[in-house]
Structure formats: C-alpha cells, structure tokens
Amino acid sequence: MSDCIFCKIIDGSIPSNKVYEDDKVVAFHDINPLAKVHILVVPKCHIESADHIDAGNSDFVKHVFEVIPGIAKDAGVTDNYQVVNNCGEKAGQTVKHLHFHILSNK
C-alpha cells in the first residue's frame, strides 16, 4: 500500500533501525519504545491485521513466528519476552499493517 508506513520501511523509502531482515520479514526497533527492548516484526506482505490472515498470506505469519526466537536471542532476551499483536483500533493497532511487538524489560 502506498500510504502504509511499514510498507515504506520495507521498501526502504523510510529509514529504520533494522535488527533483522529476510525475504519475508523485517524487524526493527520501535521509535516509541514501551520497554527496554521493543522490536517490531513485520511481514513484508501487506496484511491489514490479524483479521486478514488467510491461506494466501499465512506463510508470512508462520515465518514471523519462526524468526522471533532468533531476534529475541540477538536482543539478549531469550526466555524473557512477550510477543504482542493488537488487532483493530479499539485494541490499540495504530498502523494498519500486521505486526508483532517483542517486548522485554530484561
């Protein structure tokens, strides 16, 4: 989507402090951290929210969860973190691109 901030981070038109990237996922530090470690993990396929996961894009979501343990380990928070997803504005989703927060206060 042309107006999606996460799509712009994925395509490189907006800079970010990336900690991980592969062909399906990008992970970067949140610009407004809510914990000592606050990393966003974003599928490169634009999915608006958890309500929009389907058979055509679920491989991207599966991959997110396959790489989260390594991202957490690299951040020094193995076995000491939360993975959070907000689905919809009323639940606190501020960017309409599926993403997962890795949060830890170490």
PDB file of N, CA and C in Angstrom:
ATOM      1  N   MET A   1       0.841  -1.184   0.000  1.00  0.00           N
ATOM      2  CA  MET A   1       0.000   0.000   0.000  1.00  0.00           C
ATOM      3  C   MET A   1       0.887   1.249   0.000  1.00  0.00           C
ATOM      4  N   SER A   2       0.535   2.185  -0.812  1.00  0.00           N
ATOM      5  CA  SER A   2       1.386   3.356  -0.996  1.00  0.00           C
ATOM      6  C   SER A   2       1.436   4.281   0.217  1.00  0.00           C
ATOM      7  N   ASP A   3       0.421   4.278   1.071  1.00  0.00           N
ATOM      8  CA  ASP A   3       0.428   5.176   2.223  1.00  0.00           C
ATOM      9  C   ASP A   3       0.766   4.467   3.540  1.00  0.00           C
ATOM     10  N   CYS A   4       1.129   3.212   3.483  1.00  0.00           N
ATOM     11  CA  CYS A   4       1.438   2.440   4.691  1.00  0.00           C
ATOM     12  C   CYS A   4       2.881   2.691   5.127  1.00  0.00           C
ATOM     13  N   ILE A   5       3.052   3.158   6.356  1.00  0.00           N
ATOM     14  CA  ILE A   5       4.399   3.468   6.862  1.00  0.00           C
ATOM     15  C   ILE A   5       5.281   2.222   6.911  1.00  0.00           C
ATOM     16  N   PHE A   6       4.704   1.073   7.271  1.00  0.00           N
ATOM     17  CA  PHE A   6       5.520  -0.141   7.329  1.00  0.00           C
ATOM     18  C   PHE A   6       5.912  -0.614   5.935  1.00  0.00           C
ATOM     19  N   CYS A   7       5.034  -0.447   4.948  1.00  0.00           N
ATOM     20  CA  CYS A   7       5.406  -0.776   3.567  1.00  0.00           C
ATOM     21  C   CYS A   7       6.548   0.115   3.102  1.00  0.00           C
ATOM     22  N   LYS A   8       6.533   1.373   3.527  1.00  0.00           N
ATOM     23  CA  LYS A   8       7.608   2.302   3.167  1.00  0.00           C
ATOM     24  C   LYS A   8       8.918   1.932   3.862  1.00  0.00           C
ATOM     25  N   ILE A   9       8.844   1.440   5.088  1.00  0.00           N
ATOM     26  CA  ILE A   9      10.048   0.949   5.767  1.00  0.00           C
ATOM     27  C   ILE A   9      10.571  -0.284   5.042  1.00  0.00           C
ATOM     28  N   ILE A  10       9.668  -1.181   4.661  1.00  0.00           N
ATOM     29  CA  ILE A  10      10.059  -2.401   3.949  1.00  0.00           C
ATOM     30  C   ILE A  10      10.739  -2.067   2.631  1.00  0.00           C
ATOM     31  N   ASP A  11      10.211  -1.101   1.876  1.00  0.00           N
ATOM     32  CA  ASP A  11      10.820  -0.786   0.574  1.00  0.00           C
ATOM     33  C   ASP A  11      12.009   0.172   0.680  1.00  0.00           C
ATOM     34  N   GLY A  12      12.318   0.626   1.895  1.00  0.00           N
ATOM     35  CA  GLY A  12      13.498   1.456   2.113  1.00  0.00           C
ATOM     36  C   GLY A  12      13.278   2.942   1.942  1.00  0.00           C
ATOM     37  N   SER A  13      12.065   3.368   1.653  1.00  0.00           N
ATOM     38  CA  SER A  13      11.843   4.805   1.465  1.00  0.00           C
ATOM     39  C   SER A  13      11.747   5.561   2.792  1.00  0.00           C
ATOM     40  N   ILE A  14      11.545   4.843   3.886  1.00  0.00           N
ATOM     41  CA  ILE A  14      11.622   5.431   5.228  1.00  0.00           C
ATOM     42  C   ILE A  14      12.689   4.638   5.991  1.00  0.00           C
ATOM     43  N   PRO A  15      13.672   5.323   6.578  1.00  0.00           N
ATOM     44  CA  PRO A  15      14.725   4.600   7.305  1.00  0.00           C
ATOM     45  C   PRO A  15      14.197   4.021   8.621  1.00  0.00           C
ATOM     46  N   SER A  16      14.859   2.961   9.058  1.00  0.00           N
ATOM     47  CA  SER A  16      14.535   2.353  10.345  1.00  0.00           C
ATOM     48  C   SER A  16      15.805   1.752  10.923  1.00  0.00           C
ATOM     49  N   ASN A  17      15.747   1.416  12.185  1.00  0.00           N
ATOM     50  CA  ASN A  17      16.869   0.772  12.859  1.00  0.00           C
ATOM     51  C   ASN A  17      16.629  -0.732  12.822  1.00  0.00           C
ATOM     52  N   LYS A  18      16.912  -1.340  11.666  1.00  0.00           N
ATOM     53  CA  LYS A  18      16.635  -2.758  11.444  1.00  0.00           C
ATOM     54  C   LYS A  18      17.558  -3.638  12.276  1.00  0.00           C
ATOM     55  N   VAL A  19      16.979  -4.712  12.792  1.00  0.00           N
ATOM     56  CA  VAL A  19      17.754  -5.713  13.519  1.00  0.00           C
ATOM     57  C   VAL A  19      17.718  -7.057  12.807  1.00  0.00           C
ATOM     58  N   TYR A  20      16.787  -7.212  11.843  1.00  0.00           N
ATOM     59  CA  TYR A  20      16.672  -8.469  11.108  1.00  0.00           C
ATOM     60  C   TYR A  20      15.905  -8.206   9.817  1.00  0.00           C
ATOM     61  N   GLU A  21      16.317  -8.914   8.757  1.00  0.00           N
ATOM     62  CA  GLU A  21      15.575  -8.851   7.503  1.00  0.00           C
ATOM     63  C   GLU A  21      15.875 -10.084   6.683  1.00  0.00           C
ATOM     64  N   ASP A  22      14.828 -10.622   6.059  1.00  0.00           N
ATOM     65  CA  ASP A  22      14.982 -11.678   5.077  1.00  0.00           C
ATOM     66  C   ASP A  22      13.925 -11.444   3.993  1.00  0.00           C
ATOM     67  N   ASP A  23      13.639 -12.443   3.186  1.00  0.00           N
ATOM     68  CA  ASP A  23      12.714 -12.240   2.071  1.00  0.00           C
ATOM     69  C   ASP A  23      11.250 -12.100   2.487  1.00  0.00           C
ATOM     70  N   LYS A  24      10.895 -12.477   3.729  1.00  0.00           N
ATOM     71  CA  LYS A  24       9.503 -12.430   4.166  1.00  0.00           C
ATOM     72  C   LYS A  24       9.226 -11.495   5.332  1.00  0.00           C
ATOM     73  N   VAL A  25      10.277 -11.080   6.039  1.00  0.00           N
ATOM     74  CA  VAL A  25      10.102 -10.365   7.312  1.00  0.00           C
ATOM     75  C   VAL A  25      11.142  -9.267   7.454  1.00  0.00           C
ATOM     76  N   VAL A  26      10.741  -8.195   8.117  1.00  0.00           N
ATOM     77  CA  VAL A  26      11.697  -7.188   8.569  1.00  0.00           C
ATOM     78  C   VAL A  26      11.401  -6.913  10.046  1.00  0.00           C
ATOM     79  N   ALA A  27      12.450  -6.706  10.825  1.00  0.00           N
ATOM     80  CA  ALA A  27      12.294  -6.385  12.249  1.00  0.00           C
ATOM     81  C   ALA A  27      13.152  -5.168  12.555  1.00  0.00           C
ATOM     82  N   PHE A  28      12.581  -4.266  13.359  1.00  0.00           N
ATOM     83  CA  PHE A  28      13.282  -3.026  13.673  1.00  0.00           C
ATOM     84  C   PHE A  28      12.832  -2.509  15.029  1.00  0.00           C
ATOM     85  N   HIS A  29      13.659  -1.652  15.615  1.00  0.00           N
ATOM     86  CA  HIS A  29      13.332  -1.052  16.905  1.00  0.00           C
ATOM     87  C   HIS A  29      12.166  -0.080  16.750  1.00  0.00           C
ATOM     88  N   ASP A  30      11.230  -0.145  17.700  1.00  0.00           N
ATOM     89  CA  ASP A  30      10.103   0.779  17.722  1.00  0.00           C
ATOM     90  C   ASP A  30      10.625   2.183  18.036  1.00  0.00           C
ATOM     91  N   ILE A  31      10.106   3.193  17.336  1.00  0.00           N
ATOM     92  CA  ILE A  31      10.584   4.564  17.581  1.00  0.00           C
ATOM     93  C   ILE A  31      10.025   5.146  18.880  1.00  0.00           C
ATOM     94  N   ASN A  32       8.987   4.531  19.418  1.00  0.00           N
ATOM     95  CA  ASN A  32       8.420   4.944  20.707  1.00  0.00           C
ATOM     96  C   ASN A  32       8.363   3.736  21.635  1.00  0.00           C
ATOM     97  N   PRO A  33       9.524   3.284  22.115  1.00  0.00           N
ATOM     98  CA  PRO A  33       9.557   2.036  22.874  1.00  0.00           C
ATOM     99  C   PRO A  33       8.763   2.101  24.178  1.00  0.00           C
ATOM    100  N   LEU A  34       8.083   0.989  24.453  1.00  0.00           N
ATOM    101  CA  LEU A  34       7.317   0.846  25.686  1.00  0.00           C
ATOM    102  C   LEU A  34       8.019  -0.055  26.695  1.00  0.00           C
ATOM    103  N   ALA A  35       9.206  -0.532  26.331  1.00  0.00           N
ATOM    104  CA  ALA A  35      10.001  -1.396  27.193  1.00  0.00           C
ATOM    105  C   ALA A  35      11.471  -1.213  26.817  1.00  0.00           C
ATOM    106  N   LYS A  36      12.375  -1.761  27.648  1.00  0.00           N
ATOM    107  CA  LYS A  36      13.809  -1.651  27.332  1.00  0.00           C
ATOM    108  C   LYS A  36      14.115  -2.241  25.963  1.00  0.00           C
ATOM    109  N   VAL A  37      13.493  -3.371  25.662  1.00  0.00           N
ATOM    110  CA  VAL A  37      13.570  -3.954  24.325  1.00  0.00           C
ATOM    111  C   VAL A  37      12.170  -3.867  23.731  1.00  0.00           C
ATOM    112  N   HIS A  38      12.058  -3.198  22.596  1.00  0.00           N
ATOM    113  CA  HIS A  38      10.775  -3.086  21.892  1.00  0.00           C
ATOM    114  C   HIS A  38      11.068  -3.137  20.402  1.00  0.00           C
ATOM    115  N   ILE A  39      10.901  -4.325  19.854  1.00  0.00           N
ATOM    116  CA  ILE A  39      11.196  -4.573  18.444  1.00  0.00           C
ATOM    117  C   ILE A  39       9.893  -4.934  17.746  1.00  0.00           C
ATOM    118  N   LEU A  40       9.691  -4.369  16.571  1.00  0.00           N
ATOM    119  CA  LEU A  40       8.535  -4.711  15.740  1.00  0.00           C
ATOM    120  C   LEU A  40       8.964  -5.719  14.693  1.00  0.00           C
ATOM    121  N   VAL A  41       8.164  -6.749  14.521  1.00  0.00           N
ATOM    122  CA  VAL A  41       8.413  -7.764  13.497  1.00  0.00           C
ATOM    123  C   VAL A  41       7.249  -7.685  12.512  1.00  0.00           C
ATOM    124  N   VAL A  42       7.576  -7.409  11.257  1.00  0.00           N
ATOM    125  CA  VAL A  42       6.569  -7.070  10.256  1.00  0.00           C
ATOM    126  C   VAL A  42       6.722  -7.976   9.035  1.00  0.00           C
ATOM    127  N   PRO A  43       5.649  -8.648   8.630  1.00  0.00           N
ATOM    128  CA  PRO A  43       5.733  -9.401   7.377  1.00  0.00           C
ATOM    129  C   PRO A  43       5.841  -8.451   6.191  1.00  0.00           C
ATOM    130  N   LYS A  44       6.613  -8.842   5.185  1.00  0.00           N
ATOM    131  CA  LYS A  44       6.784  -7.986   4.012  1.00  0.00           C
ATOM    132  C   LYS A  44       5.549  -7.972   3.114  1.00  0.00           C
ATOM    133  N   CYS A  45       4.671  -8.918   3.296  1.00  0.00           N
ATOM    134  CA  CYS A  45       3.392  -8.938   2.593  1.00  0.00           C
ATOM    135  C   CYS A  45       2.429  -8.048   3.371  1.00  0.00           C
ATOM    136  N   HIS A  46       1.785  -7.098   2.695  1.00  0.00           N
ATOM    137  CA  HIS A  46       0.859  -6.212   3.402  1.00  0.00           C
ATOM    138  C   HIS A  46      -0.393  -6.993   3.797  1.00  0.00           C
ATOM    139  N   ILE A  47      -0.577  -7.140   5.102  1.00  0.00           N
ATOM    140  CA  ILE A  47      -1.762  -7.755   5.693  1.00  0.00           C
ATOM    141  C   ILE A  47      -2.281  -6.724   6.674  1.00  0.00           C
ATOM    142  N   GLU A  48      -3.513  -6.292   6.542  1.00  0.00           N
ATOM    143  CA  GLU A  48      -4.003  -5.186   7.359  1.00  0.00           C
ATOM    144  C   GLU A  48      -3.996  -5.490   8.852  1.00  0.00           C
ATOM    145  N   SER A  49      -4.448  -6.665   9.238  1.00  0.00           N
ATOM    146  CA  SER A  49      -4.492  -7.029  10.657  1.00  0.00           C
ATOM    147  C   SER A  49      -4.639  -8.538  10.778  1.00  0.00           C
ATOM    148  N   ALA A  50      -4.685  -9.036  12.002  1.00  0.00           N
ATOM    149  CA  ALA A  50      -4.878 -10.469  12.228  1.00  0.00           C
ATOM    150  C   ALA A  50      -6.189 -10.952  11.617  1.00  0.00           C
ATOM    151  N   ASP A  51      -7.165 -10.070  11.517  1.00  0.00           N
ATOM    152  CA  ASP A  51      -8.440 -10.431  10.893  1.00  0.00           C
ATOM    153  C   ASP A  51      -8.305 -10.720   9.404  1.00  0.00           C
ATOM    154  N   HIS A  52      -7.182 -10.353   8.810  1.00  0.00           N
ATOM    155  CA  HIS A  52      -6.989 -10.508   7.372  1.00  0.00           C
ATOM    156  C   HIS A  52      -5.990 -11.619   7.012  1.00  0.00           C
ATOM    157  N   ILE A  53      -5.625 -12.439   7.971  1.00  0.00           N
ATOM    158  CA  ILE A  53      -4.753 -13.578   7.685  1.00  0.00           C
ATOM    159  C   ILE A  53      -5.597 -14.648   6.999  1.00  0.00           C
ATOM    160  N   ASP A  54      -5.059 -15.180   5.890  1.00  0.00           N
ATOM    161  CA  ASP A  54      -5.768 -16.231   5.171  1.00  0.00           C
ATOM    162  C   ASP A  54      -4.760 -17.204   4.560  1.00  0.00           C
ATOM    163  N   ALA A  55      -5.255 -18.178   3.831  1.00  0.00           N
ATOM    164  CA  ALA A  55      -4.385 -19.201   3.238  1.00  0.00           C
ATOM    165  C   ALA A  55      -3.366 -18.604   2.269  1.00  0.00           C
ATOM    166  N   GLY A  56      -3.693 -17.475   1.667  1.00  0.00           N
ATOM    167  CA  GLY A  56      -2.787 -16.844   0.710  1.00  0.00           C
ATOM    168  C   GLY A  56      -1.623 -16.098   1.325  1.00  0.00           C
ATOM    169  N   ASN A  57      -1.719 -15.739   2.616  1.00  0.00           N
ATOM    170  CA  ASN A  57      -0.638 -14.965   3.249  1.00  0.00           C
ATOM    171  C   ASN A  57      -0.137 -15.579   4.554  1.00  0.00           C
ATOM    172  N   SER A  58      -0.704 -16.693   4.966  1.00  0.00           N
ATOM    173  CA  SER A  58      -0.344 -17.264   6.273  1.00  0.00           C
ATOM    174  C   SER A  58       1.101 -17.748   6.350  1.00  0.00           C
ATOM    175  N   ASP A  59       1.731 -18.038   5.218  1.00  0.00           N
ATOM    176  CA  ASP A  59       3.151 -18.417   5.258  1.00  0.00           C
ATOM    177  C   ASP A  59       4.016 -17.281   5.797  1.00  0.00           C
ATOM    178  N   PHE A  60       3.634 -16.031   5.511  1.00  0.00           N
ATOM    179  CA  PHE A  60       4.378 -14.887   6.044  1.00  0.00           C
ATOM    180  C   PHE A  60       4.243 -14.829   7.563  1.00  0.00           C
ATOM    181  N   VAL A  61       3.039 -15.090   8.066  1.00  0.00           N
ATOM    182  CA  VAL A  61       2.790 -15.047   9.513  1.00  0.00           C
ATOM    183  C   VAL A  61       3.518 -16.208  10.194  1.00  0.00           C
ATOM    184  N   LYS A  62       3.466 -17.374   9.595  1.00  0.00           N
ATOM    185  CA  LYS A  62       4.200 -18.536  10.123  1.00  0.00           C
ATOM    186  C   LYS A  62       5.687 -18.202  10.247  1.00  0.00           C
ATOM    187  N   HIS A  63       6.218 -17.567   9.214  1.00  0.00           N
ATOM    188  CA  HIS A  63       7.633 -17.230   9.210  1.00  0.00           C
ATOM    189  C   HIS A  63       7.976 -16.221  10.305  1.00  0.00           C
ATOM    190  N   VAL A  64       7.076 -15.277  10.568  1.00  0.00           N
ATOM    191  CA  VAL A  64       7.293 -14.323  11.667  1.00  0.00           C
ATOM    192  C   VAL A  64       7.598 -15.088  12.952  1.00  0.00           C
ATOM    193  N   PHE A  65       6.773 -16.088  13.243  1.00  0.00           N
ATOM    194  CA  PHE A  65       6.946 -16.829  14.491  1.00  0.00           C
ATOM    195  C   PHE A  65       8.150 -17.768  14.464  1.00  0.00           C
ATOM    196  N   GLU A  66       8.607 -18.131  13.280  1.00  0.00           N
ATOM    197  CA  GLU A  66       9.825 -18.931  13.177  1.00  0.00           C
ATOM    198  C   GLU A  66      11.069 -18.097  13.464  1.00  0.00           C
ATOM    199  N   VAL A  67      11.049 -16.800  13.133  1.00  0.00           N
ATOM    200  CA  VAL A  67      12.240 -15.967  13.318  1.00  0.00           C
ATOM    201  C   VAL A  67      12.250 -15.210  14.645  1.00  0.00           C
ATOM    202  N   ILE A  68      11.108 -15.073  15.303  1.00  0.00           N
ATOM    203  CA  ILE A  68      11.064 -14.324  16.565  1.00  0.00           C
ATOM    204  C   ILE A  68      12.049 -14.852  17.610  1.00  0.00           C
ATOM    205  N   PRO A  69      12.177 -16.154  17.829  1.00  0.00           N
ATOM    206  CA  PRO A  69      13.139 -16.602  18.853  1.00  0.00           C
ATOM    207  C   PRO A  69      14.579 -16.151  18.580  1.00  0.00           C
ATOM    208  N   GLY A  70      15.001 -16.146  17.330  1.00  0.00           N
ATOM    209  CA  GLY A  70      16.352 -15.691  16.998  1.00  0.00           C
ATOM    210  C   GLY A  70      16.519 -14.192  17.183  1.00  0.00           C
ATOM    211  N   ILE A  71      15.495 -13.433  16.843  1.00  0.00           N
ATOM    212  CA  ILE A  71      15.538 -11.985  17.045  1.00  0.00           C
ATOM    213  C   ILE A  71      15.617 -11.682  18.531  1.00  0.00           C
ATOM    214  N   ALA A  72      14.813 -12.372  19.327  1.00  0.00           N
ATOM    215  CA  ALA A  72      14.848 -12.185  20.782  1.00  0.00           C
ATOM    216  C   ALA A  72      16.213 -12.571  21.345  1.00  0.00           C
ATOM    217  N   LYS A  73      16.760 -13.678  20.874  1.00  0.00           N
ATOM    218  CA  LYS A  73      18.087 -14.109  21.337  1.00  0.00           C
ATOM    219  C   LYS A  73      19.142 -13.053  21.023  1.00  0.00           C
ATOM    220  N   ASP A  74      19.107 -12.520  19.792  1.00  0.00           N
ATOM    221  CA  ASP A  74      20.072 -11.486  19.405  1.00  0.00           C
ATOM    222  C   ASP A  74      19.910 -10.216  20.244  1.00  0.00           C
ATOM    223  N   ALA A  75      18.689  -9.977  20.732  1.00  0.00           N
ATOM    224  CA  ALA A  75      18.429  -8.806  21.583  1.00  0.00           C
ATOM    225  C   ALA A  75      18.748  -9.094  23.052  1.00  0.00           C
ATOM    226  N   GLY A  76      19.138 -10.331  23.345  1.00  0.00           N
ATOM    227  CA  GLY A  76      19.523 -10.694  24.708  1.00  0.00           C
ATOM    228  C   GLY A  76      18.362 -10.986  25.637  1.00  0.00           C
ATOM    229  N   VAL A  77      17.209 -11.348  25.081  1.00  0.00           N
ATOM    230  CA  VAL A  77      16.035 -11.556  25.931  1.00  0.00           C
ATOM    231  C   VAL A  77      15.420 -12.950  25.770  1.00  0.00           C
ATOM    232  N   THR A  78      16.246 -13.939  25.451  1.00  0.00           N
ATOM    233  CA  THR A  78      15.735 -15.299  25.339  1.00  0.00           C
ATOM    234  C   THR A  78      15.012 -15.696  26.611  1.00  0.00           C
ATOM    235  N   ASP A  79      13.840 -16.259  26.465  1.00  0.00           N
ATOM    236  CA  ASP A  79      13.028 -16.761  27.575  1.00  0.00           C
ATOM    237  C   ASP A  79      12.630 -15.652  28.550  1.00  0.00           C
ATOM    238  N   ASN A  80      12.554 -14.413  28.046  1.00  0.00           N
ATOM    239  CA  ASN A  80      12.195 -13.284  28.914  1.00  0.00           C
ATOM    240  C   ASN A  80      11.575 -12.162  28.087  1.00  0.00           C
ATOM    241  N   TYR A  81      10.531 -12.508  27.316  1.00  0.00           N
ATOM    242  CA  TYR A  81       9.909 -11.501  26.469  1.00  0.00           C
ATOM    243  C   TYR A  81       8.458 -11.850  26.201  1.00  0.00           C
ATOM    244  N   GLN A  82       7.721 -10.835  25.743  1.00  0.00           N
ATOM    245  CA  GLN A  82       6.345 -11.005  25.305  1.00  0.00           C
ATOM    246  C   GLN A  82       6.277 -10.774  23.802  1.00  0.00           C
ATOM    247  N   VAL A  83       5.345 -11.450  23.146  1.00  0.00           N
ATOM    248  CA  VAL A  83       5.018 -11.176  21.749  1.00  0.00           C
ATOM    249  C   VAL A  83       3.577 -10.692  21.756  1.00  0.00           C
ATOM    250  N   VAL A  84       3.360  -9.473  21.260  1.00  0.00           N
ATOM    251  CA  VAL A  84       2.045  -8.844  21.339  1.00  0.00           C
ATOM    252  C   VAL A  84       1.598  -8.416  19.945  1.00  0.00           C
ATOM    253  N   ASN A  85       0.310  -8.629  19.669  1.00  0.00           N
ATOM    254  CA  ASN A  85      -0.311  -8.128  18.447  1.00  0.00           C
ATOM    255  C   ASN A  85      -1.604  -7.435  18.833  1.00  0.00           C
ATOM    256  N   ASN A  86      -1.802  -6.246  18.303  1.00  0.00           N
ATOM    257  CA  ASN A  86      -3.048  -5.508  18.503  1.00  0.00           C
ATOM    258  C   ASN A  86      -3.854  -5.603  17.218  1.00  0.00           C
ATOM    259  N   CYS A  87      -5.115  -6.018  17.337  1.00  0.00           N
ATOM    260  CA  CYS A  87      -5.958  -6.195  16.161  1.00  0.00           C
ATOM    261  C   CYS A  87      -7.102  -5.193  16.205  1.00  0.00           C
ATOM    262  N   GLY A  88      -6.995  -4.149  15.399  1.00  0.00           N
ATOM    263  CA  GLY A  88      -8.027  -3.125  15.323  1.00  0.00           C
ATOM    264  C   GLY A  88      -7.720  -1.918  16.188  1.00  0.00           C
ATOM    265  N   GLU A  89      -8.274  -0.782  15.799  1.00  0.00           N
ATOM    266  CA  GLU A  89      -8.026   0.476  16.503  1.00  0.00           C
ATOM    267  C   GLU A  89      -8.429   0.405  17.975  1.00  0.00           C
ATOM    268  N   LYS A  90      -9.561  -0.211  18.268  1.00  0.00           N
ATOM    269  CA  LYS A  90     -10.033  -0.291  19.653  1.00  0.00           C
ATOM    270  C   LYS A  90      -9.103  -1.122  20.526  1.00  0.00           C
ATOM    271  N   ALA A  91      -8.291  -1.972  19.904  1.00  0.00           N
ATOM    272  CA  ALA A  91      -7.315  -2.775  20.639  1.00  0.00           C
ATOM    273  C   ALA A  91      -5.934  -2.134  20.641  1.00  0.00           C
ATOM    274  N   GLY A  92      -5.805  -0.960  20.042  1.00  0.00           N
ATOM    275  CA  GLY A  92      -4.537  -0.244  20.058  1.00  0.00           C
ATOM    276  C   GLY A  92      -3.710  -0.358  18.795  1.00  0.00           C
ATOM    277  N   GLN A  93      -4.243  -0.950  17.731  1.00  0.00           N
ATOM    278  CA  GLN A  93      -3.492  -1.028  16.480  1.00  0.00           C
ATOM    279  C   GLN A  93      -3.469   0.353  15.829  1.00  0.00           C
ATOM    280  N   THR A  94      -2.281   0.936  15.708  1.00  0.00           N
ATOM    281  CA  THR A  94      -2.161   2.287  15.148  1.00  0.00           C
ATOM    282  C   THR A  94      -1.692   2.289  13.702  1.00  0.00           C
ATOM    283  N   VAL A  95      -1.060   1.211  13.255  1.00  0.00           N
ATOM    284  CA  VAL A  95      -0.640   1.081  11.861  1.00  0.00           C
ATOM    285  C   VAL A  95      -1.374  -0.120  11.281  1.00  0.00           C
ATOM    286  N   LYS A  96      -2.076   0.099  10.195  1.00  0.00           N
ATOM    287  CA  LYS A  96      -2.880  -0.964   9.595  1.00  0.00           C
ATOM    288  C   LYS A  96      -2.026  -1.840   8.679  1.00  0.00           C
ATOM    289  N   HIS A  97      -1.027  -2.448   9.288  1.00  0.00           N
ATOM    290  CA  HIS A  97      -0.173  -3.459   8.665  1.00  0.00           C
ATOM    291  C   HIS A  97       0.172  -4.410   9.799  1.00  0.00           C
ATOM    292  N   LEU A  98      -0.192  -5.664   9.636  1.00  0.00           N
ATOM    293  CA  LEU A  98       0.041  -6.655  10.682  1.00  0.00           C
ATOM    294  C   LEU A  98       1.479  -6.570  11.189  1.00  0.00           C
ATOM    295  N   HIS A  99       1.633  -6.527  12.502  1.00  0.00           N
ATOM    296  CA  HIS A  99       2.970  -6.508  13.096  1.00  0.00           C
ATOM    297  C   HIS A  99       2.894  -7.064  14.509  1.00  0.00           C
ATOM    298  N   PHE A 100       4.032  -7.524  14.973  1.00  0.00           N
ATOM    299  CA  PHE A 100       4.141  -8.129  16.283  1.00  0.00           C
ATOM    300  C   PHE A 100       5.226  -7.404  17.070  1.00  0.00           C
ATOM    301  N   HIS A 101       4.939  -7.132  18.323  1.00  0.00           N
ATOM    302  CA  HIS A 101       5.864  -6.449  19.211  1.00  0.00           C
ATOM    303  C   HIS A 101       6.606  -7.489  20.048  1.00  0.00           C
ATOM    304  N   ILE A 102       7.926  -7.422  20.054  1.00  0.00           N
ATOM    305  CA  ILE A 102       8.740  -8.175  21.014  1.00  0.00           C
ATOM    306  C   ILE A 102       9.063  -7.181  22.120  1.00  0.00           C
ATOM    307  N   LEU A 103       8.608  -7.485  23.326  1.00  0.00           N
ATOM    308  CA  LEU A 103       8.761  -6.571  24.468  1.00  0.00           C
ATOM    309  C   LEU A 103       9.467  -7.281  25.617  1.00  0.00           C
ATOM    310  N   SER A 104      10.430  -6.588  26.214  1.00  0.00           N
ATOM    311  CA  SER A 104      11.094  -7.115  27.400  1.00  0.00           C
ATOM    312  C   SER A 104      11.736  -5.982  28.172  1.00  0.00           C
ATOM    313  N   ASN A 105      11.675  -6.089  29.478  1.00  0.00           N
ATOM    314  CA  ASN A 105      12.401  -5.166  30.337  1.00  0.00           C
ATOM    315  C   ASN A 105      13.644  -5.822  30.914  1.00  0.00           C
ATOM    316  N   LYS A 106      14.079  -6.898  30.291  1.00  0.00           N
ATOM    317  CA  LYS A 106      15.262  -7.688  30.675  1.00  0.00           C
ATOM    318  C   LYS A 106      15.224  -7.940  32.146  1.00  0.00           C
TER     319      LYS A 106
END
